[in-house]
């Protein structure tokens, strides 16, 4: 194959990718997030400690375990 053939193939691939992208955008429209979703994305996450996690999981008797040294 010579260089011109490869260039033509590359151009056709670019066109196919663009057509495919346009087809997908028509079939699956891009939706903007709701205000609630935007806030959830932007706000800083809270970090729960072990006691809070165990409480959420329904464990009532949670004691701290000492880490082995």
C-alpha atoms as a PDB file:
ATOM      1  CA  UNK A   1       0.000   0.000   0.000  1.00  0.00           C
ATOM      2  CA  UNK A   2       1.234   3.424  -0.755  1.00  0.00           C
ATOM      3  CA  UNK A   3       0.923   6.540   1.351  1.00  0.00           C
ATOM      4  CA  UNK A   4      -2.037   7.953  -0.614  1.00  0.00           C
ATOM      5  CA  UNK A   5      -4.134   4.847  -0.002  1.00  0.00           C
ATOM      6  CA  UNK A   6      -3.410   5.031   3.714  1.00  0.00           C
ATOM      7  CA  UNK A   7      -4.358   8.712   3.791  1.00  0.00           C
ATOM      8  CA  UNK A   8      -7.640   7.929   2.034  1.00  0.00           C
ATOM      9  CA  UNK A   9      -8.401   5.155   4.499  1.00  0.00           C
ATOM     10  CA  UNK A  10      -7.643   7.483   7.406  1.00  0.00           C
ATOM     11  CA  UNK A  11      -9.996  10.156   6.015  1.00  0.00           C
ATOM     12  CA  UNK A  12     -12.772   7.617   5.481  1.00  0.00           C
ATOM     13  CA  UNK A  13     -12.361   6.394   9.050  1.00  0.00           C
ATOM     14  CA  UNK A  14     -12.680   9.950  10.334  1.00  0.00           C
ATOM     15  CA  UNK A  15     -15.885  10.392   8.347  1.00  0.00           C
ATOM     16  CA  UNK A  16     -17.279   7.079   9.605  1.00  0.00           C
ATOM     17  CA  UNK A  17     -16.508   8.011  13.226  1.00  0.00           C
ATOM     18  CA  UNK A  18     -18.259  11.343  12.798  1.00  0.00           C
ATOM     19  CA  UNK A  19     -21.319   9.710  11.225  1.00  0.00           C
ATOM     20  CA  UNK A  20     -21.424   7.099  13.968  1.00  0.00           C
ATOM     21  CA  UNK A  21     -21.190   9.783  16.639  1.00  0.00           C
ATOM     22  CA  UNK A  22     -24.060  11.739  15.077  1.00  0.00           C
ATOM     23  CA  UNK A  23     -26.175   8.576  14.835  1.00  0.00           C
ATOM     24  CA  UNK A  24     -25.590   7.726  18.494  1.00  0.00           C
ATOM     25  CA  UNK A  25     -26.449  11.279  19.571  1.00  0.00           C
ATOM     26  CA  UNK A  26     -29.769  11.009  17.702  1.00  0.00           C
ATOM     27  CA  UNK A  27     -30.595   7.598  19.159  1.00  0.00           C
ATOM     28  CA  UNK A  28     -29.462   8.385  22.708  1.00  0.00           C
ATOM     29  CA  UNK A  29     -29.876  12.091  23.379  1.00  0.00           C
ATOM     30  CA  UNK A  30     -27.547  13.677  25.902  1.00  0.00           C
ATOM     31  CA  UNK A  31     -29.487  14.817  28.967  1.00  0.00           C
ATOM     32  CA  UNK A  32     -28.384  17.630  31.216  1.00  0.00           C
ATOM     33  CA  UNK A  33     -28.243  16.737  34.919  1.00  0.00           C
ATOM     34  CA  UNK A  34     -30.981  18.055  37.175  1.00  0.00           C
ATOM     35  CA  UNK A  35     -30.175  20.688  39.785  1.00  0.00           C
ATOM     36  CA  UNK A  36     -30.208  17.994  42.478  1.00  0.00           C
ATOM     37  CA  UNK A  37     -27.769  15.863  40.478  1.00  0.00           C
ATOM     38  CA  UNK A  38     -25.464  18.847  39.922  1.00  0.00           C
ATOM     39  CA  UNK A  39     -25.417  19.576  43.654  1.00  0.00           C
ATOM     40  CA  UNK A  40     -24.678  15.929  44.466  1.00  0.00           C
ATOM     41  CA  UNK A  41     -21.778  15.940  42.010  1.00  0.00           C
ATOM     42  CA  UNK A  42     -20.295  19.208  43.235  1.00  0.00           C
ATOM     43  CA  UNK A  43     -20.715  18.924  47.012  1.00  0.00           C
ATOM     44  CA  UNK A  44     -17.961  17.476  49.133  1.00  0.00           C
ATOM     45  CA  UNK A  45     -18.609  13.942  50.350  1.00  0.00           C
ATOM     46  CA  UNK A  46     -18.914  13.215  54.041  1.00  0.00           C
ATOM     47  CA  UNK A  47     -16.753  10.473  55.497  1.00  0.00           C
ATOM     48  CA  UNK A  48     -18.409   8.132  57.958  1.00  0.00           C
ATOM     49  CA  UNK A  49     -16.498   6.534  60.810  1.00  0.00           C
ATOM     50  CA  UNK A  50     -16.699   2.866  61.753  1.00  0.00           C
ATOM     51  CA  UNK A  51     -19.350   3.437  64.421  1.00  0.00           C
ATOM     52  CA  UNK A  52     -21.652   5.224  61.974  1.00  0.00           C
ATOM     53  CA  UNK A  53     -21.167   2.473  59.388  1.00  0.00           C
ATOM     54  CA  UNK A  54     -21.997  -0.282  61.846  1.00  0.00           C
ATOM     55  CA  UNK A  55     -25.052   1.627  63.036  1.00  0.00           C
ATOM     56  CA  UNK A  56     -26.253   1.991  59.447  1.00  0.00           C
ATOM     57  CA  UNK A  57     -25.734  -1.729  58.905  1.00  0.00           C
ATOM     58  CA  UNK A  58     -27.807  -2.531  61.970  1.00  0.00           C
ATOM     59  CA  UNK A  59     -24.975  -3.641  64.232  1.00  0.00           C
ATOM     60  CA  UNK A  60     -25.923  -2.515  67.729  1.00  0.00           C
ATOM     61  CA  UNK A  61     -22.950  -3.587  69.835  1.00  0.00           C
ATOM     62  CA  UNK A  62     -19.861  -2.010  68.313  1.00  0.00           C
ATOM     63  CA  UNK A  63     -16.662  -1.829  70.286  1.00  0.00           C
ATOM     64  CA  UNK A  64     -13.309  -0.448  69.190  1.00  0.00           C
ATOM     65  CA  UNK A  65     -10.746  -3.071  68.413  1.00  0.00           C
ATOM     66  CA  UNK A  66      -7.127  -2.392  69.150  1.00  0.00           C
ATOM     67  CA  UNK A  67      -4.797  -2.737  66.238  1.00  0.00           C
ATOM     68  CA  UNK A  68      -1.942  -5.202  66.716  1.00  0.00           C
ATOM     69  CA  UNK A  69       1.486  -3.588  67.033  1.00  0.00           C
END
